[in-house]
Amino acid sequence: MNQQQVKYTVARVEATEARKLSQLQKDCTVLAKKLTDEEIVGLVIAGLVKPKKGPVKRDHHFGLQVTDVFDFSELITFQHMSSDYQPKADAIKAEAARIKDEIMLGDQQAALELLRKFDA
């Protein structure tokens, strides 16, 4: 391979890696769980949430909020990645690095075959 072909092949590997990582991020994102004000009031009235222990910590300047007094930590979560995201992302990055190494240092035919498999 000449320098132009190597540059193009490496760019394809990087584009495929970025596409796979983007798709993995979408697949492994765990969406936030939110509660409406009506749901919060209903849970408090039904007695399904427990009061927080210790002194009341006021997070707001304008008064006391229900979430300052009652513990909703198990019912409300923030958006985050699932636990299997990092190992899968590391595997994709390692495979891309292996293909780049093969392109730069190894057999070009084997590198093209690896690229075809990685691109699929």
PDB file of N, CA and C in Angstrom:
ATOM      1  N   MET A   1       0.837  -1.180   0.000  1.00  0.00           N
ATOM      2  CA  MET A   1       0.000   0.000   0.000  1.00  0.00           C
ATOM      3  C   MET A   1       0.878   1.237   0.000  1.00  0.00           C
ATOM      4  N   ASN A   2       0.453   2.208  -0.773  1.00  0.00           N
ATOM      5  CA  ASN A   2       1.179   3.463  -0.722  1.00  0.00           C
ATOM      6  C   ASN A   2       0.636   4.331   0.414  1.00  0.00           C
ATOM      7  N   GLN A   3       1.247   5.469   0.626  1.00  0.00           N
ATOM      8  CA  GLN A   3       0.901   6.301   1.779  1.00  0.00           C
ATOM      9  C   GLN A   3      -0.550   6.782   1.722  1.00  0.00           C
ATOM     10  N   GLN A   4      -1.031   7.110   0.535  1.00  0.00           N
ATOM     11  CA  GLN A   4      -2.417   7.577   0.383  1.00  0.00           C
ATOM     12  C   GLN A   4      -3.405   6.463   0.747  1.00  0.00           C
ATOM     13  N   GLN A   5      -3.131   5.244   0.337  1.00  0.00           N
ATOM     14  CA  GLN A   5      -4.001   4.104   0.645  1.00  0.00           C
ATOM     15  C   GLN A   5      -3.987   3.799   2.143  1.00  0.00           C
ATOM     16  N   VAL A   6      -2.818   3.896   2.753  1.00  0.00           N
ATOM     17  CA  VAL A   6      -2.720   3.663   4.198  1.00  0.00           C
ATOM     18  C   VAL A   6      -3.537   4.708   4.945  1.00  0.00           C
ATOM     19  N   LYS A   7      -3.412   5.953   4.538  1.00  0.00           N
ATOM     20  CA  LYS A   7      -4.149   7.040   5.189  1.00  0.00           C
ATOM     21  C   LYS A   7      -5.661   6.822   5.057  1.00  0.00           C
ATOM     22  N   TYR A   8      -6.109   6.427   3.877  1.00  0.00           N
ATOM     23  CA  TYR A   8      -7.539   6.168   3.657  1.00  0.00           C
ATOM     24  C   TYR A   8      -8.016   4.996   4.511  1.00  0.00           C
ATOM     25  N   THR A   9      -7.227   3.933   4.557  1.00  0.00           N
ATOM     26  CA  THR A   9      -7.622   2.741   5.321  1.00  0.00           C
ATOM     27  C   THR A   9      -7.700   3.049   6.808  1.00  0.00           C
ATOM     28  N   VAL A  10      -6.745   3.794   7.322  1.00  0.00           N
ATOM     29  CA  VAL A  10      -6.763   4.179   8.738  1.00  0.00           C
ATOM     30  C   VAL A  10      -7.972   5.068   9.025  1.00  0.00           C
ATOM     31  N   ALA A  11      -8.298   5.963   8.104  1.00  0.00           N
ATOM     32  CA  ALA A  11      -9.479   6.821   8.282  1.00  0.00           C
ATOM     33  C   ALA A  11     -10.756   5.984   8.325  1.00  0.00           C
ATOM     34  N   ARG A  12     -10.822   4.935   7.504  1.00  0.00           N
ATOM     35  CA  ARG A  12     -11.995   4.050   7.540  1.00  0.00           C
ATOM     36  C   ARG A  12     -12.095   3.304   8.866  1.00  0.00           C
ATOM     37  N   VAL A  13     -10.971   2.855   9.371  1.00  0.00           N
ATOM     38  CA  VAL A  13     -10.969   2.169  10.675  1.00  0.00           C
ATOM     39  C   VAL A  13     -11.457   3.127  11.754  1.00  0.00           C
ATOM     40  N   GLU A  14     -10.968   4.352  11.753  1.00  0.00           N
ATOM     41  CA  GLU A  14     -11.375   5.328  12.761  1.00  0.00           C
ATOM     42  C   GLU A  14     -12.851   5.686  12.638  1.00  0.00           C
ATOM     43  N   ALA A  15     -13.357   5.797  11.408  1.00  0.00           N
ATOM     44  CA  ALA A  15     -14.776   6.095  11.207  1.00  0.00           C
ATOM     45  C   ALA A  15     -15.642   4.941  11.694  1.00  0.00           C
ATOM     46  N   THR A  16     -15.235   3.727  11.409  1.00  0.00           N
ATOM     47  CA  THR A  16     -15.987   2.552  11.867  1.00  0.00           C
ATOM     48  C   THR A  16     -15.959   2.456  13.384  1.00  0.00           C
ATOM     49  N   GLU A  17     -14.799   2.728  13.969  1.00  0.00           N
ATOM     50  CA  GLU A  17     -14.675   2.713  15.432  1.00  0.00           C
ATOM     51  C   GLU A  17     -15.610   3.749  16.054  1.00  0.00           C
ATOM     52  N   ALA A  18     -15.637   4.951  15.509  1.00  0.00           N
ATOM     53  CA  ALA A  18     -16.502   6.008  16.041  1.00  0.00           C
ATOM     54  C   ALA A  18     -17.979   5.635  15.900  1.00  0.00           C
ATOM     55  N   ARG A  19     -18.342   5.037  14.770  1.00  0.00           N
ATOM     56  CA  ARG A  19     -19.733   4.618  14.559  1.00  0.00           C
ATOM     57  C   ARG A  19     -20.133   3.545  15.561  1.00  0.00           C
ATOM     58  N   LYS A  20     -19.252   2.561  15.765  1.00  0.00           N
ATOM     59  CA  LYS A  20     -19.564   1.483  16.713  1.00  0.00           C
ATOM     60  C   LYS A  20     -19.650   1.996  18.143  1.00  0.00           C
ATOM     61  N   LEU A  21     -18.744   2.900  18.526  1.00  0.00           N
ATOM     62  CA  LEU A  21     -18.789   3.451  19.880  1.00  0.00           C
ATOM     63  C   LEU A  21     -20.042   4.301  20.095  1.00  0.00           C
ATOM     64  N   SER A  22     -20.441   5.032  19.066  1.00  0.00           N
ATOM     65  CA  SER A  22     -21.660   5.836  19.168  1.00  0.00           C
ATOM     66  C   SER A  22     -22.888   4.942  19.343  1.00  0.00           C
ATOM     67  N   GLN A  23     -22.960   3.876  18.567  1.00  0.00           N
ATOM     68  CA  GLN A  23     -24.089   2.950  18.678  1.00  0.00           C
ATOM     69  C   GLN A  23     -24.083   2.256  20.039  1.00  0.00           C
ATOM     70  N   LEU A  24     -22.898   1.884  20.517  1.00  0.00           N
ATOM     71  CA  LEU A  24     -22.788   1.248  21.829  1.00  0.00           C
ATOM     72  C   LEU A  24     -23.259   2.192  22.925  1.00  0.00           C
ATOM     73  N   GLN A  25     -22.894   3.472  22.800  1.00  0.00           N
ATOM     74  CA  GLN A  25     -23.321   4.455  23.791  1.00  0.00           C
ATOM     75  C   GLN A  25     -24.847   4.563  23.818  1.00  0.00           C
ATOM     76  N   LYS A  26     -25.468   4.567  22.641  1.00  0.00           N
ATOM     77  CA  LYS A  26     -26.933   4.612  22.583  1.00  0.00           C
ATOM     78  C   LYS A  26     -27.547   3.360  23.206  1.00  0.00           C
ATOM     79  N   ASP A  27     -26.954   2.207  22.914  1.00  0.00           N
ATOM     80  CA  ASP A  27     -27.505   0.936  23.412  1.00  0.00           C
ATOM     81  C   ASP A  27     -27.331   0.774  24.919  1.00  0.00           C
ATOM     82  N   CYS A  28     -26.267   1.336  25.491  1.00  0.00           N
ATOM     83  CA  CYS A  28     -25.962   1.118  26.904  1.00  0.00           C
ATOM     84  C   CYS A  28     -26.422   2.260  27.818  1.00  0.00           C
ATOM     85  N   THR A  29     -27.064   3.269  27.262  1.00  0.00           N
ATOM     86  CA  THR A  29     -27.528   4.378  28.088  1.00  0.00           C
ATOM     87  C   THR A  29     -28.792   3.976  28.841  1.00  0.00           C
ATOM     88  N   VAL A  30     -28.750   4.132  30.150  1.00  0.00           N
ATOM     89  CA  VAL A  30     -29.910   3.881  30.997  1.00  0.00           C
ATOM     90  C   VAL A  30     -30.531   5.246  31.292  1.00  0.00           C
ATOM     91  N   LEU A  31     -31.775   5.415  30.865  1.00  0.00           N
ATOM     92  CA  LEU A  31     -32.426   6.707  31.007  1.00  0.00           C
ATOM     93  C   LEU A  31     -32.765   7.011  32.461  1.00  0.00           C
ATOM     94  N   ALA A  32     -32.886   8.293  32.736  1.00  0.00           N
ATOM     95  CA  ALA A  32     -33.221   8.742  34.088  1.00  0.00           C
ATOM     96  C   ALA A  32     -34.656   8.375  34.431  1.00  0.00           C
ATOM     97  N   LYS A  33     -34.881   8.071  35.703  1.00  0.00           N
ATOM     98  CA  LYS A  33     -36.238   7.859  36.198  1.00  0.00           C
ATOM     99  C   LYS A  33     -36.640   9.109  36.959  1.00  0.00           C
ATOM    100  N   LYS A  34     -37.750   9.700  36.545  1.00  0.00           N
ATOM    101  CA  LYS A  34     -38.215  10.931  37.168  1.00  0.00           C
ATOM    102  C   LYS A  34     -39.611  10.710  37.736  1.00  0.00           C
ATOM    103  N   LEU A  35     -39.969  11.528  38.696  1.00  0.00           N
ATOM    104  CA  LEU A  35     -41.309  11.507  39.267  1.00  0.00           C
ATOM    105  C   LEU A  35     -41.934  12.882  39.095  1.00  0.00           C
ATOM    106  N   THR A  36     -43.214  12.894  38.773  1.00  0.00           N
ATOM    107  CA  THR A  36     -43.926  14.164  38.697  1.00  0.00           C
ATOM    108  C   THR A  36     -44.282  14.616  40.107  1.00  0.00           C
ATOM    109  N   ASP A  37     -44.689  15.856  40.234  1.00  0.00           N
ATOM    110  CA  ASP A  37     -45.096  16.366  41.551  1.00  0.00           C
ATOM    111  C   ASP A  37     -46.273  15.575  42.101  1.00  0.00           C
ATOM    112  N   GLU A  38     -47.193  15.194  41.230  1.00  0.00           N
ATOM    113  CA  GLU A  38     -48.360  14.421  41.665  1.00  0.00           C
ATOM    114  C   GLU A  38     -47.945  13.049  42.187  1.00  0.00           C
ATOM    115  N   GLU A  39     -46.982  12.414  41.522  1.00  0.00           N
ATOM    116  CA  GLU A  39     -46.500  11.113  41.974  1.00  0.00           C
ATOM    117  C   GLU A  39     -45.785  11.235  43.323  1.00  0.00           C
ATOM    118  N   ILE A  40     -45.004  12.289  43.493  1.00  0.00           N
ATOM    119  CA  ILE A  40     -44.297  12.507  44.766  1.00  0.00           C
ATOM    120  C   ILE A  40     -45.292  12.671  45.904  1.00  0.00           C
ATOM    121  N   VAL A  41     -46.302  13.509  45.701  1.00  0.00           N
ATOM    122  CA  VAL A  41     -47.312  13.738  46.741  1.00  0.00           C
ATOM    123  C   VAL A  41     -48.060  12.439  47.028  1.00  0.00           C
ATOM    124  N   GLY A  42     -48.408  11.695  45.986  1.00  0.00           N
ATOM    125  CA  GLY A  42     -49.111  10.423  46.179  1.00  0.00           C
ATOM    126  C   GLY A  42     -48.301   9.431  46.989  1.00  0.00           C
ATOM    127  N   LEU A  43     -46.999   9.354  46.738  1.00  0.00           N
ATOM    128  CA  LEU A  43     -46.138   8.441  47.487  1.00  0.00           C
ATOM    129  C   LEU A  43     -46.029   8.844  48.948  1.00  0.00           C
ATOM    130  N   VAL A  44     -45.960  10.154  49.202  1.00  0.00           N
ATOM    131  CA  VAL A  44     -45.871  10.630  50.583  1.00  0.00           C
ATOM    132  C   VAL A  44     -47.174  10.341  51.316  1.00  0.00           C
ATOM    133  N   ILE A  45     -48.301  10.634  50.686  1.00  0.00           N
ATOM    134  CA  ILE A  45     -49.604  10.398  51.317  1.00  0.00           C
ATOM    135  C   ILE A  45     -49.826   8.909  51.582  1.00  0.00           C
ATOM    136  N   ALA A  46     -49.405   8.063  50.643  1.00  0.00           N
ATOM    137  CA  ALA A  46     -49.579   6.621  50.810  1.00  0.00           C
ATOM    138  C   ALA A  46     -48.575   6.025  51.802  1.00  0.00           C
ATOM    139  N   GLY A  47     -47.587   6.802  52.212  1.00  0.00           N
ATOM    140  CA  GLY A  47     -46.606   6.315  53.176  1.00  0.00           C
ATOM    141  C   GLY A  47     -45.581   5.379  52.564  1.00  0.00           C
ATOM    142  N   LEU A  48     -45.346   5.479  51.263  1.00  0.00           N
ATOM    143  CA  LEU A  48     -44.414   4.577  50.587  1.00  0.00           C
ATOM    144  C   LEU A  48     -42.961   5.066  50.590  1.00  0.00           C
ATOM    145  N   VAL A  49     -42.742   6.284  51.052  1.00  0.00           N
ATOM    146  CA  VAL A  49     -41.369   6.789  51.185  1.00  0.00           C
ATOM    147  C   VAL A  49     -41.110   7.101  52.652  1.00  0.00           C
ATOM    148  N   LYS A  50     -39.882   6.898  53.072  1.00  0.00           N
ATOM    149  CA  LYS A  50     -39.528   7.098  54.471  1.00  0.00           C
ATOM    150  C   LYS A  50     -38.896   8.470  54.646  1.00  0.00           C
ATOM    151  N   PRO A  51     -39.064   9.051  55.817  1.00  0.00           N
ATOM    152  CA  PRO A  51     -38.402  10.330  56.081  1.00  0.00           C
ATOM    153  C   PRO A  51     -36.886  10.141  56.149  1.00  0.00           C
ATOM    154  N   LYS A  52     -36.157  11.183  55.769  1.00  0.00           N
ATOM    155  CA  LYS A  52     -34.699  11.139  55.869  1.00  0.00           C
ATOM    156  C   LYS A  52     -34.300  11.207  57.333  1.00  0.00           C
ATOM    157  N   LYS A  53     -33.198  10.569  57.658  1.00  0.00           N
ATOM    158  CA  LYS A  53     -32.705  10.575  59.030  1.00  0.00           C
ATOM    159  C   LYS A  53     -31.754  11.740  59.221  1.00  0.00           C
ATOM    160  N   GLY A  54     -31.702  12.231  60.415  1.00  0.00           N
ATOM    161  CA  GLY A  54     -30.796  13.326  60.721  1.00  0.00           C
ATOM    162  C   GLY A  54     -31.450  14.674  60.485  1.00  0.00           C
ATOM    163  N   PRO A  55     -30.670  15.715  60.629  1.00  0.00           N
ATOM    164  CA  PRO A  55     -31.236  17.056  60.450  1.00  0.00           C
ATOM    165  C   PRO A  55     -31.632  17.291  58.992  1.00  0.00           C
ATOM    166  N   VAL A  56     -32.636  18.122  58.812  1.00  0.00           N
ATOM    167  CA  VAL A  56     -33.129  18.429  57.472  1.00  0.00           C
ATOM    168  C   VAL A  56     -32.140  19.364  56.793  1.00  0.00           C
ATOM    169  N   LYS A  57     -31.678  18.944  55.632  1.00  0.00           N
ATOM    170  CA  LYS A  57     -30.760  19.770  54.860  1.00  0.00           C
ATOM    171  C   LYS A  57     -31.584  20.506  53.810  1.00  0.00           C
ATOM    172  N   ARG A  58     -31.547  21.811  53.889  1.00  0.00           N
ATOM    173  CA  ARG A  58     -32.334  22.616  52.959  1.00  0.00           C
ATOM    174  C   ARG A  58     -31.475  22.949  51.749  1.00  0.00           C
ATOM    175  N   ASP A  59     -31.877  22.418  50.592  1.00  0.00           N
ATOM    176  CA  ASP A  59     -31.136  22.665  49.361  1.00  0.00           C
ATOM    177  C   ASP A  59     -31.652  23.889  48.614  1.00  0.00           C
ATOM    178  N   HIS A  60     -32.696  24.480  49.103  1.00  0.00           N
ATOM    179  CA  HIS A  60     -33.346  25.577  48.391  1.00  0.00           C
ATOM    180  C   HIS A  60     -33.418  26.814  49.292  1.00  0.00           C
ATOM    181  N   HIS A  61     -33.362  27.968  48.706  1.00  0.00           N
ATOM    182  CA  HIS A  61     -33.382  29.216  49.460  1.00  0.00           C
ATOM    183  C   HIS A  61     -34.793  29.675  49.794  1.00  0.00           C
ATOM    184  N   PHE A  62     -35.779  29.174  49.100  1.00  0.00           N
ATOM    185  CA  PHE A  62     -37.129  29.722  49.213  1.00  0.00           C
ATOM    186  C   PHE A  62     -38.056  28.895  50.081  1.00  0.00           C
ATOM    187  N   GLY A  63     -37.577  27.935  50.752  1.00  0.00           N
ATOM    188  CA  GLY A  63     -38.438  27.148  51.619  1.00  0.00           C
ATOM    189  C   GLY A  63     -38.042  25.687  51.611  1.00  0.00           C
ATOM    190  N   LEU A  64     -38.832  24.905  52.247  1.00  0.00           N
ATOM    191  CA  LEU A  64     -38.569  23.483  52.396  1.00  0.00           C
ATOM    192  C   LEU A  64     -39.251  22.714  51.261  1.00  0.00           C
ATOM    193  N   GLN A  65     -38.547  21.785  50.655  1.00  0.00           N
ATOM    194  CA  GLN A  65     -39.093  20.949  49.595  1.00  0.00           C
ATOM    195  C   GLN A  65     -39.389  19.555  50.158  1.00  0.00           C
ATOM    196  N   VAL A  66     -40.324  18.861  49.546  1.00  0.00           N
ATOM    197  CA  VAL A  66     -40.669  17.502  49.976  1.00  0.00           C
ATOM    198  C   VAL A  66     -39.444  16.598  49.887  1.00  0.00           C
ATOM    199  N   THR A  67     -38.630  16.799  48.852  1.00  0.00           N
ATOM    200  CA  THR A  67     -37.449  15.955  48.675  1.00  0.00           C
ATOM    201  C   THR A  67     -36.356  16.249  49.693  1.00  0.00           C
ATOM    202  N   ASP A  68     -36.481  17.357  50.430  1.00  0.00           N
ATOM    203  CA  ASP A  68     -35.540  17.644  51.511  1.00  0.00           C
ATOM    204  C   ASP A  68     -35.861  16.802  52.751  1.00  0.00           C
ATOM    205  N   VAL A  69     -37.106  16.403  52.886  1.00  0.00           N
ATOM    206  CA  VAL A  69     -37.567  15.709  54.092  1.00  0.00           C
ATOM    207  C   VAL A  69     -37.698  14.207  53.876  1.00  0.00           C
ATOM    208  N   PHE A  70     -38.137  13.785  52.671  1.00  0.00           N
ATOM    209  CA  PHE A  70     -38.368  12.366  52.393  1.00  0.00           C
ATOM    210  C   PHE A  70     -37.311  11.829  51.433  1.00  0.00           C
ATOM    211  N   ASP A  71     -36.995  10.549  51.591  1.00  0.00           N
ATOM    212  CA  ASP A  71     -35.946   9.893  50.808  1.00  0.00           C
ATOM    213  C   ASP A  71     -36.535   9.254  49.552  1.00  0.00           C
ATOM    214  N   PHE A  72     -36.246   9.851  48.398  1.00  0.00           N
ATOM    215  CA  PHE A  72     -36.710   9.341  47.113  1.00  0.00           C
ATOM    216  C   PHE A  72     -35.562   8.726  46.310  1.00  0.00           C
ATOM    217  N   SER A  73     -34.439   8.441  46.947  1.00  0.00           N
ATOM    218  CA  SER A  73     -33.227   8.022  46.240  1.00  0.00           C
ATOM    219  C   SER A  73     -33.401   6.718  45.453  1.00  0.00           C
ATOM    220  N   GLU A  74     -34.262   5.832  45.912  1.00  0.00           N
ATOM    221  CA  GLU A  74     -34.450   4.575  45.191  1.00  0.00           C
ATOM    222  C   GLU A  74     -35.435   4.713  44.037  1.00  0.00           C
ATOM    223  N   LEU A  75     -36.182   5.799  44.007  1.00  0.00           N
ATOM    224  CA  LEU A  75     -37.201   5.979  42.983  1.00  0.00           C
ATOM    225  C   LEU A  75     -36.770   6.915  41.864  1.00  0.00           C
ATOM    226  N   ILE A  76     -35.775   7.739  42.127  1.00  0.00           N
ATOM    227  CA  ILE A  76     -35.307   8.708  41.144  1.00  0.00           C
ATOM    228  C   ILE A  76     -33.843   8.398  40.842  1.00  0.00           C
ATOM    229  N   THR A  77     -33.503   8.255  39.557  1.00  0.00           N
ATOM    230  CA  THR A  77     -32.116   8.028  39.156  1.00  0.00           C
ATOM    231  C   THR A  77     -31.744   8.998  38.038  1.00  0.00           C
ATOM    232  N   PHE A  78     -30.462   9.198  37.864  1.00  0.00           N
ATOM    233  CA  PHE A  78     -29.956  10.036  36.791  1.00  0.00           C
ATOM    234  C   PHE A  78     -29.571   9.160  35.599  1.00  0.00           C
ATOM    235  N   GLN A  79     -29.497   9.765  34.431  1.00  0.00           N
ATOM    236  CA  GLN A  79     -29.070   9.036  33.247  1.00  0.00           C
ATOM    237  C   GLN A  79     -27.631   8.585  33.429  1.00  0.00           C
ATOM    238  N   HIS A  80     -27.355   7.325  33.076  1.00  0.00           N
ATOM    239  CA  HIS A  80     -26.005   6.786  33.219  1.00  0.00           C
ATOM    240  C   HIS A  80     -25.795   5.643  32.237  1.00  0.00           C
ATOM    241  N   MET A  81     -24.573   5.164  32.181  1.00  0.00           N
ATOM    242  CA  MET A  81     -24.236   4.034  31.315  1.00  0.00           C
ATOM    243  C   MET A  81     -24.378   2.735  32.096  1.00  0.00           C
ATOM    244  N   SER A  82     -24.815   1.694  31.398  1.00  0.00           N
ATOM    245  CA  SER A  82     -24.905   0.393  32.050  1.00  0.00           C
ATOM    246  C   SER A  82     -23.500  -0.139  32.307  1.00  0.00           C
ATOM    247  N   SER A  83     -23.407  -1.137  33.157  1.00  0.00           N
ATOM    248  CA  SER A  83     -22.100  -1.626  33.595  1.00  0.00           C
ATOM    249  C   SER A  83     -21.331  -2.347  32.488  1.00  0.00           C
ATOM    250  N   ASP A  84     -22.007  -2.808  31.453  1.00  0.00           N
ATOM    251  CA  ASP A  84     -21.296  -3.514  30.387  1.00  0.00           C
ATOM    252  C   ASP A  84     -20.772  -2.585  29.292  1.00  0.00           C
ATOM    253  N   TYR A  85     -20.947  -1.278  29.436  1.00  0.00           N
ATOM    254  CA  TYR A  85     -20.479  -0.340  28.409  1.00  0.00           C
ATOM    255  C   TYR A  85     -18.961  -0.327  28.304  1.00  0.00           C
ATOM    256  N   GLN A  86     -18.268  -0.154  29.416  1.00  0.00           N
ATOM    257  CA  GLN A  86     -16.814   0.016  29.372  1.00  0.00           C
ATOM    258  C   GLN A  86     -16.087  -1.196  28.804  1.00  0.00           C
ATOM    259  N   PRO A  87     -16.415  -2.438  29.214  1.00  0.00           N
ATOM    260  CA  PRO A  87     -15.709  -3.581  28.608  1.00  0.00           C
ATOM    261  C   PRO A  87     -15.940  -3.684  27.096  1.00  0.00           C
ATOM    262  N   LYS A  88     -17.158  -3.409  26.653  1.00  0.00           N
ATOM    263  CA  LYS A  88     -17.445  -3.474  25.215  1.00  0.00           C
ATOM    264  C   LYS A  88     -16.723  -2.361  24.463  1.00  0.00           C
ATOM    265  N   ALA A  89     -16.680  -1.159  25.039  1.00  0.00           N
ATOM    266  CA  ALA A  89     -15.974  -0.051  24.396  1.00  0.00           C
ATOM    267  C   ALA A  89     -14.477  -0.341  24.316  1.00  0.00           C
ATOM    268  N   ASP A  90     -13.926  -0.905  25.372  1.00  0.00           N
ATOM    269  CA  ASP A  90     -12.502  -1.260  25.368  1.00  0.00           C
ATOM    270  C   ASP A  90     -12.201  -2.305  24.292  1.00  0.00           C
ATOM    271  N   ALA A  91     -13.112  -3.263  24.101  1.00  0.00           N
ATOM    272  CA  ALA A  91     -12.917  -4.291  23.074  1.00  0.00           C
ATOM    273  C   ALA A  91     -12.932  -3.676  21.673  1.00  0.00           C
ATOM    274  N   ILE A  92     -13.837  -2.740  21.437  1.00  0.00           N
ATOM    275  CA  ILE A  92     -13.902  -2.071  20.128  1.00  0.00           C
ATOM    276  C   ILE A  92     -12.616  -1.283  19.887  1.00  0.00           C
ATOM    277  N   LYS A  93     -12.154  -0.549  20.895  1.00  0.00           N
ATOM    278  CA  LYS A  93     -10.930   0.246  20.746  1.00  0.00           C
ATOM    279  C   LYS A  93      -9.709  -0.649  20.525  1.00  0.00           C
ATOM    280  N   ALA A  94      -9.655  -1.779  21.225  1.00  0.00           N
ATOM    281  CA  ALA A  94      -8.529  -2.694  21.067  1.00  0.00           C
ATOM    282  C   ALA A  94      -8.515  -3.304  19.669  1.00  0.00           C
ATOM    283  N   GLU A  95      -9.682  -3.665  19.159  1.00  0.00           N
ATOM    284  CA  GLU A  95      -9.761  -4.230  17.811  1.00  0.00           C
ATOM    285  C   GLU A  95      -9.337  -3.197  16.769  1.00  0.00           C
ATOM    286  N   ALA A  96      -9.770  -1.952  16.935  1.00  0.00           N
ATOM    287  CA  ALA A  96      -9.371  -0.889  16.004  1.00  0.00           C
ATOM    288  C   ALA A  96      -7.858  -0.668  16.058  1.00  0.00           C
ATOM    289  N   ALA A  97      -7.285  -0.682  17.239  1.00  0.00           N
ATOM    290  CA  ALA A  97      -5.838  -0.503  17.375  1.00  0.00           C
ATOM    291  C   ALA A  97      -5.078  -1.655  16.725  1.00  0.00           C
ATOM    292  N   ARG A  98      -5.613  -2.868  16.880  1.00  0.00           N
ATOM    293  CA  ARG A  98      -4.966  -4.041  16.281  1.00  0.00           C
ATOM    294  C   ARG A  98      -4.978  -3.938  14.754  1.00  0.00           C
ATOM    295  N   ILE A  99      -6.093  -3.475  14.201  1.00  0.00           N
ATOM    296  CA  ILE A  99      -6.188  -3.327  12.750  1.00  0.00           C
ATOM    297  C   ILE A  99      -5.243  -2.232  12.259  1.00  0.00           C
ATOM    298  N   LYS A 100      -5.164  -1.128  12.981  1.00  0.00           N
ATOM    299  CA  LYS A 100      -4.237  -0.052  12.598  1.00  0.00           C
ATOM    300  C   LYS A 100      -2.791  -0.546  12.633  1.00  0.00           C
ATOM    301  N   ASP A 101      -2.457  -1.320  13.658  1.00  0.00           N
ATOM    302  CA  ASP A 101      -1.103  -1.881  13.740  1.00  0.00           C
ATOM    303  C   ASP A 101      -0.830  -2.796  12.548  1.00  0.00           C
ATOM    304  N   GLU A 102      -1.812  -3.592  12.190  1.00  0.00           N
ATOM    305  CA  GLU A 102      -1.652  -4.504  11.055  1.00  0.00           C
ATOM    306  C   GLU A 102      -1.475  -3.721   9.758  1.00  0.00           C
ATOM    307  N   ILE A 103      -2.199  -2.615   9.622  1.00  0.00           N
ATOM    308  CA  ILE A 103      -2.073  -1.775   8.426  1.00  0.00           C
ATOM    309  C   ILE A 103      -0.668  -1.182   8.347  1.00  0.00           C
ATOM    310  N   MET A 104      -0.188  -0.654   9.460  1.00  0.00           N
ATOM    311  CA  MET A 104       1.086   0.056   9.449  1.00  0.00           C
ATOM    312  C   MET A 104       2.301  -0.891   9.452  1.00  0.00           C
ATOM    313  N   LEU A 105       2.182  -2.024  10.135  1.00  0.00           N
ATOM    314  CA  LEU A 105       3.362  -2.857  10.351  1.00  0.00           C
ATOM    315  C   LEU A 105       3.290  -4.235   9.704  1.00  0.00           C
ATOM    316  N   GLY A 106       2.097  -4.693   9.388  1.00  0.00           N
ATOM    317  CA  GLY A 106       1.956  -6.079   8.973  1.00  0.00           C
ATOM    318  C   GLY A 106       1.561  -6.249   7.521  1.00  0.00           C
ATOM    319  N   ASP A 107       0.924  -7.350   7.282  1.00  0.00           N
ATOM    320  CA  ASP A 107       0.481  -7.744   5.953  1.00  0.00           C
ATOM    321  C   ASP A 107      -0.762  -6.942   5.564  1.00  0.00           C
ATOM    322  N   GLN A 108      -0.699  -6.266   4.432  1.00  0.00           N
ATOM    323  CA  GLN A 108      -1.811  -5.414   4.012  1.00  0.00           C
ATOM    324  C   GLN A 108      -3.055  -6.223   3.665  1.00  0.00           C
ATOM    325  N   GLN A 109      -2.895  -7.405   3.076  1.00  0.00           N
ATOM    326  CA  GLN A 109      -4.058  -8.234   2.741  1.00  0.00           C
ATOM    327  C   GLN A 109      -4.785  -8.680   4.006  1.00  0.00           C
ATOM    328  N   ALA A 110      -4.024  -9.069   5.002  1.00  0.00           N
ATOM    329  CA  ALA A 110      -4.629  -9.460   6.280  1.00  0.00           C
ATOM    330  C   ALA A 110      -5.311  -8.258   6.921  1.00  0.00           C
ATOM    331  N   ALA A 111      -4.705  -7.085   6.795  1.00  0.00           N
ATOM    332  CA  ALA A 111      -5.297  -5.868   7.361  1.00  0.00           C
ATOM    333  C   ALA A 111      -6.620  -5.542   6.683  1.00  0.00           C
ATOM    334  N   LEU A 112      -6.669  -5.678   5.375  1.00  0.00           N
ATOM    335  CA  LEU A 112      -7.926  -5.407   4.650  1.00  0.00           C
ATOM    336  C   LEU A 112      -9.015  -6.407   5.038  1.00  0.00           C
ATOM    337  N   GLU A 113      -8.628  -7.651   5.242  1.00  0.00           N
ATOM    338  CA  GLU A 113      -9.602  -8.659   5.676  1.00  0.00           C
ATOM    339  C   GLU A 113     -10.132  -8.341   7.072  1.00  0.00           C
ATOM    340  N   LEU A 114      -9.226  -7.919   7.978  1.00  0.00           N
ATOM    341  CA  LEU A 114      -9.653  -7.520   9.320  1.00  0.00           C
ATOM    342  C   LEU A 114     -10.568  -6.305   9.264  1.00  0.00           C
ATOM    343  N   LEU A 115     -10.257  -5.357   8.387  1.00  0.00           N
ATOM    344  CA  LEU A 115     -11.094  -4.170   8.236  1.00  0.00           C
ATOM    345  C   LEU A 115     -12.484  -4.547   7.761  1.00  0.00           C
ATOM    346  N   ARG A 116     -12.569  -5.467   6.817  1.00  0.00           N
ATOM    347  CA  ARG A 116     -13.893  -5.902   6.316  1.00  0.00           C
ATOM    348  C   ARG A 116     -14.719  -6.540   7.441  1.00  0.00           C
ATOM    349  N   LYS A 117     -14.067  -7.353   8.278  1.00  0.00           N
ATOM    350  CA  LYS A 117     -14.766  -7.985   9.390  1.00  0.00           C
ATOM    351  C   LYS A 117     -15.195  -6.946  10.422  1.00  0.00           C
ATOM    352  N   PHE A 118     -14.319  -5.989  10.699  1.00  0.00           N
ATOM    353  CA  PHE A 118     -14.595  -4.943  11.683  1.00  0.00           C
ATOM    354  C   PHE A 118     -15.703  -4.019  11.198  1.00  0.00           C
ATOM    355  N   ASP A 119     -15.747  -3.777   9.910  1.00  0.00           N
ATOM    356  CA  ASP A 119     -16.727  -2.864   9.312  1.00  0.00           C
ATOM    357  C   ASP A 119     -18.123  -3.477   9.271  1.00  0.00           C
ATOM    358  N   ALA A 120     -18.207  -4.791   9.314  1.00  0.00           N
ATOM    359  CA  ALA A 120     -19.519  -5.448   9.207  1.00  0.00           C
ATOM    360  C   ALA A 120     -20.337  -5.322  10.455  1.00  0.00           C
TER     361      ALA A 120
END
